[in-house]
Amino acid sequence: MESDVSANSRLTIAAHTLTWIGLYQRRGHEVATSEQIATSVNTNPVVIRRLLAKLSKAGLADSRRGAGAGWMLARDLAAITLLDVYQAIEPGPVFALHRATPDPECVVGHGIGPAMTAVYDDVEAALRRELAKTTLEDVLRDVLKAA
């Protein structure tokens, strides 16, 4: 887990970043700099660059180097779901079991893993279903409505 952004805010910051780039491009700009995005997010540009590297690796953002360097969307906002963003930045499970195996001689230690795994699997499935329902186009629409 990265220390510069807590796990529960990475999805929000990533969605903010991509939505901001999408709006910026619609307003006639080709690329956005990490500094510009960081101003909107109110964070350090390094945080944005690290996040964009993951989003780029997942095929959601592209970078341009050299003169006129910056970031652009790899796909239209309507073609990017919150699940796409989530999977790009949070590839592991939402919840984890113990790092060390609990005492198998203890009734709770023996049974806690399977019991919690069943719950976690259901939670993870519900989370993915909900995130898949919303595109970044939906997010931008709601953002502009609230403005």
Protein backbone atom coordinates (compact mmCIF):
# COMPACT_ATOMS: atom_id res chain seq x y z
CA MET A 1 0.00 0.00 0.00
CA GLU A 2 1.33 3.45 -0.89
CA SER A 3 1.81 5.82 2.01
CA ASP A 4 1.13 9.03 0.08
CA VAL A 5 -2.55 8.22 -0.56
CA SER A 6 -4.76 6.09 1.64
CA ALA A 7 -6.44 3.07 0.07
CA ASN A 8 -9.90 4.53 0.44
CA SER A 9 -9.05 7.70 -1.51
CA ARG A 10 -7.07 6.25 -4.44
CA LEU A 11 -10.20 5.38 -6.45
CA THR A 12 -11.61 8.86 -5.90
CA ILE A 13 -8.35 10.55 -6.89
CA ALA A 14 -7.97 8.32 -9.96
CA ALA A 15 -11.57 9.00 -11.07
CA HIS A 16 -11.02 12.74 -10.42
CA THR A 17 -7.82 12.65 -12.50
CA LEU A 18 -9.31 10.89 -15.52
CA THR A 19 -12.54 12.90 -15.41
CA TRP A 20 -10.54 16.14 -15.23
CA ILE A 21 -8.43 15.11 -18.23
CA GLY A 22 -11.60 14.21 -20.16
CA LEU A 23 -13.20 17.59 -19.48
CA TYR A 24 -9.95 19.42 -20.25
CA GLN A 25 -9.71 17.63 -23.61
CA ARG A 26 -13.34 18.47 -24.42
CA ARG A 27 -12.49 22.10 -23.85
CA GLY A 28 -9.99 21.91 -26.72
CA HIS A 29 -6.74 20.94 -25.01
CA GLU A 30 -4.73 17.95 -26.22
CA VAL A 31 -2.82 17.03 -23.08
CA ALA A 32 -2.91 17.86 -19.37
CA THR A 33 0.13 18.12 -17.12
CA SER A 34 0.37 16.38 -13.77
CA GLU A 35 0.81 19.83 -12.23
CA GLN A 36 -2.52 21.03 -13.64
CA ILE A 37 -4.31 17.89 -12.45
CA ALA A 38 -2.63 18.07 -9.03
CA THR A 39 -3.97 21.61 -8.57
CA SER A 40 -7.54 20.36 -9.05
CA VAL A 41 -7.00 17.33 -6.79
CA ASN A 42 -5.06 19.47 -4.27
CA THR A 43 -2.14 17.07 -4.02
CA ASN A 44 1.47 16.78 -5.10
CA PRO A 45 2.09 16.20 -8.84
CA VAL A 46 4.20 13.16 -7.92
CA VAL A 47 1.06 11.49 -6.51
CA ILE A 48 -0.72 12.16 -9.81
CA ARG A 49 2.19 10.85 -11.88
CA ARG A 50 2.32 7.59 -9.88
CA LEU A 51 -1.41 7.12 -10.28
CA LEU A 52 -1.30 7.94 -13.99
CA ALA A 53 1.49 5.40 -14.49
CA LYS A 54 -0.86 2.69 -13.18
CA LEU A 55 -3.77 4.04 -15.25
CA SER A 56 -1.55 4.11 -18.33
CA LYS A 57 -0.41 0.52 -17.76
CA ALA A 58 -4.11 -0.46 -17.62
CA GLY A 59 -4.81 1.30 -20.94
CA LEU A 60 -6.88 4.14 -19.48
CA ALA A 61 -4.43 7.02 -19.99
CA ASP A 62 -1.60 7.81 -22.40
CA SER A 63 1.38 10.09 -22.00
CA ARG A 64 3.20 12.29 -24.45
CA ARG A 65 6.88 13.04 -23.91
CA GLY A 66 9.01 15.92 -25.11
CA ALA A 67 7.65 19.30 -26.22
CA GLY A 68 3.98 19.55 -25.26
CA ALA A 69 4.34 16.67 -22.81
CA GLY A 70 1.37 15.61 -20.75
CA TRP A 71 -1.42 13.13 -20.28
CA MET A 72 -4.51 12.26 -22.29
CA LEU A 73 -7.27 9.67 -22.11
CA ALA A 74 -6.63 6.39 -23.90
CA ARG A 75 -10.39 5.80 -24.18
CA ASP A 76 -13.45 8.02 -24.08
CA LEU A 77 -14.98 8.70 -20.66
CA ALA A 78 -18.06 6.71 -21.69
CA ALA A 79 -15.83 3.66 -22.28
CA ILE A 80 -14.19 3.75 -18.83
CA THR A 81 -16.10 2.37 -15.85
CA LEU A 82 -15.26 2.89 -12.21
CA LEU A 83 -14.51 -0.84 -12.17
CA ASP A 84 -11.84 -0.30 -14.85
CA VAL A 85 -10.28 2.42 -12.70
CA TYR A 86 -10.55 0.34 -9.53
CA GLN A 87 -8.90 -2.68 -11.15
CA ALA A 88 -6.07 -0.48 -12.43
CA ILE A 89 -5.20 0.92 -9.02
CA GLU A 90 -6.43 -1.74 -6.57
CA PRO A 91 -5.56 -5.05 -8.23
CA GLY A 92 -5.72 -7.12 -5.04
CA PRO A 93 -8.67 -8.13 -2.89
CA VAL A 94 -10.53 -5.54 -0.80
CA PHE A 95 -9.99 -7.53 2.39
CA ALA A 96 -7.22 -9.90 3.42
CA LEU A 97 -6.95 -12.70 5.90
CA HIS A 98 -4.26 -12.93 8.58
CA ARG A 99 -0.67 -12.49 7.47
CA ALA A 100 0.35 -15.38 9.71
CA THR A 101 -1.74 -18.56 9.85
CA PRO A 102 -3.89 -18.61 12.98
CA ASP A 103 -3.55 -21.47 15.47
CA PRO A 104 -5.20 -24.48 13.78
CA GLU A 105 -5.74 -26.10 17.20
CA CYS A 106 -8.02 -23.19 18.19
CA VAL A 107 -11.63 -23.56 17.04
CA VAL A 108 -11.79 -19.89 15.97
CA GLY A 109 -8.28 -19.95 14.51
CA HIS A 110 -9.20 -23.02 12.46
CA GLY A 111 -12.52 -21.72 11.13
CA ILE A 112 -12.10 -17.96 10.81
CA GLY A 113 -10.51 -18.07 7.33
CA PRO A 114 -13.30 -19.94 5.54
CA ALA A 115 -15.99 -17.99 7.38
CA MET A 116 -14.53 -14.60 6.51
CA THR A 117 -13.61 -15.61 2.95
CA ALA A 118 -17.27 -16.38 2.18
CA VAL A 119 -18.32 -12.92 3.37
CA TYR A 120 -15.43 -11.17 1.62
CA ASP A 121 -16.16 -12.91 -1.68
CA ASP A 122 -19.77 -11.66 -1.58
CA VAL A 123 -18.68 -8.11 -0.69
CA GLU A 124 -16.09 -8.07 -3.47
CA ALA A 125 -18.65 -9.30 -6.03
CA ALA A 126 -21.15 -6.60 -4.97
CA LEU A 127 -18.48 -3.91 -5.13
CA ARG A 128 -17.44 -4.93 -8.64
CA ARG A 129 -21.07 -5.08 -9.82
CA GLU A 130 -21.76 -1.56 -8.55
CA LEU A 131 -18.55 -0.04 -9.92
CA ALA A 132 -19.21 -1.61 -13.34
CA LYS A 133 -22.54 0.28 -13.57
CA THR A 134 -20.95 3.75 -13.59
CA THR A 135 -18.80 5.24 -16.35
CA LEU A 136 -16.61 8.30 -16.02
CA GLU A 137 -19.05 9.97 -18.43
CA ASP A 138 -21.70 9.45 -15.71
CA VAL A 139 -19.32 10.91 -13.14
CA LEU A 140 -18.64 13.99 -15.31
CA ARG A 141 -22.36 14.48 -15.91
CA ASP A 142 -23.01 14.43 -12.15
CA VAL A 143 -20.04 16.72 -11.49
CA LEU A 144 -21.31 19.29 -14.01
CA LYS A 145 -24.84 19.07 -12.56
CA ALA A 146 -23.47 19.89 -9.11
CA ALA A 147 -21.39 22.83 -10.39
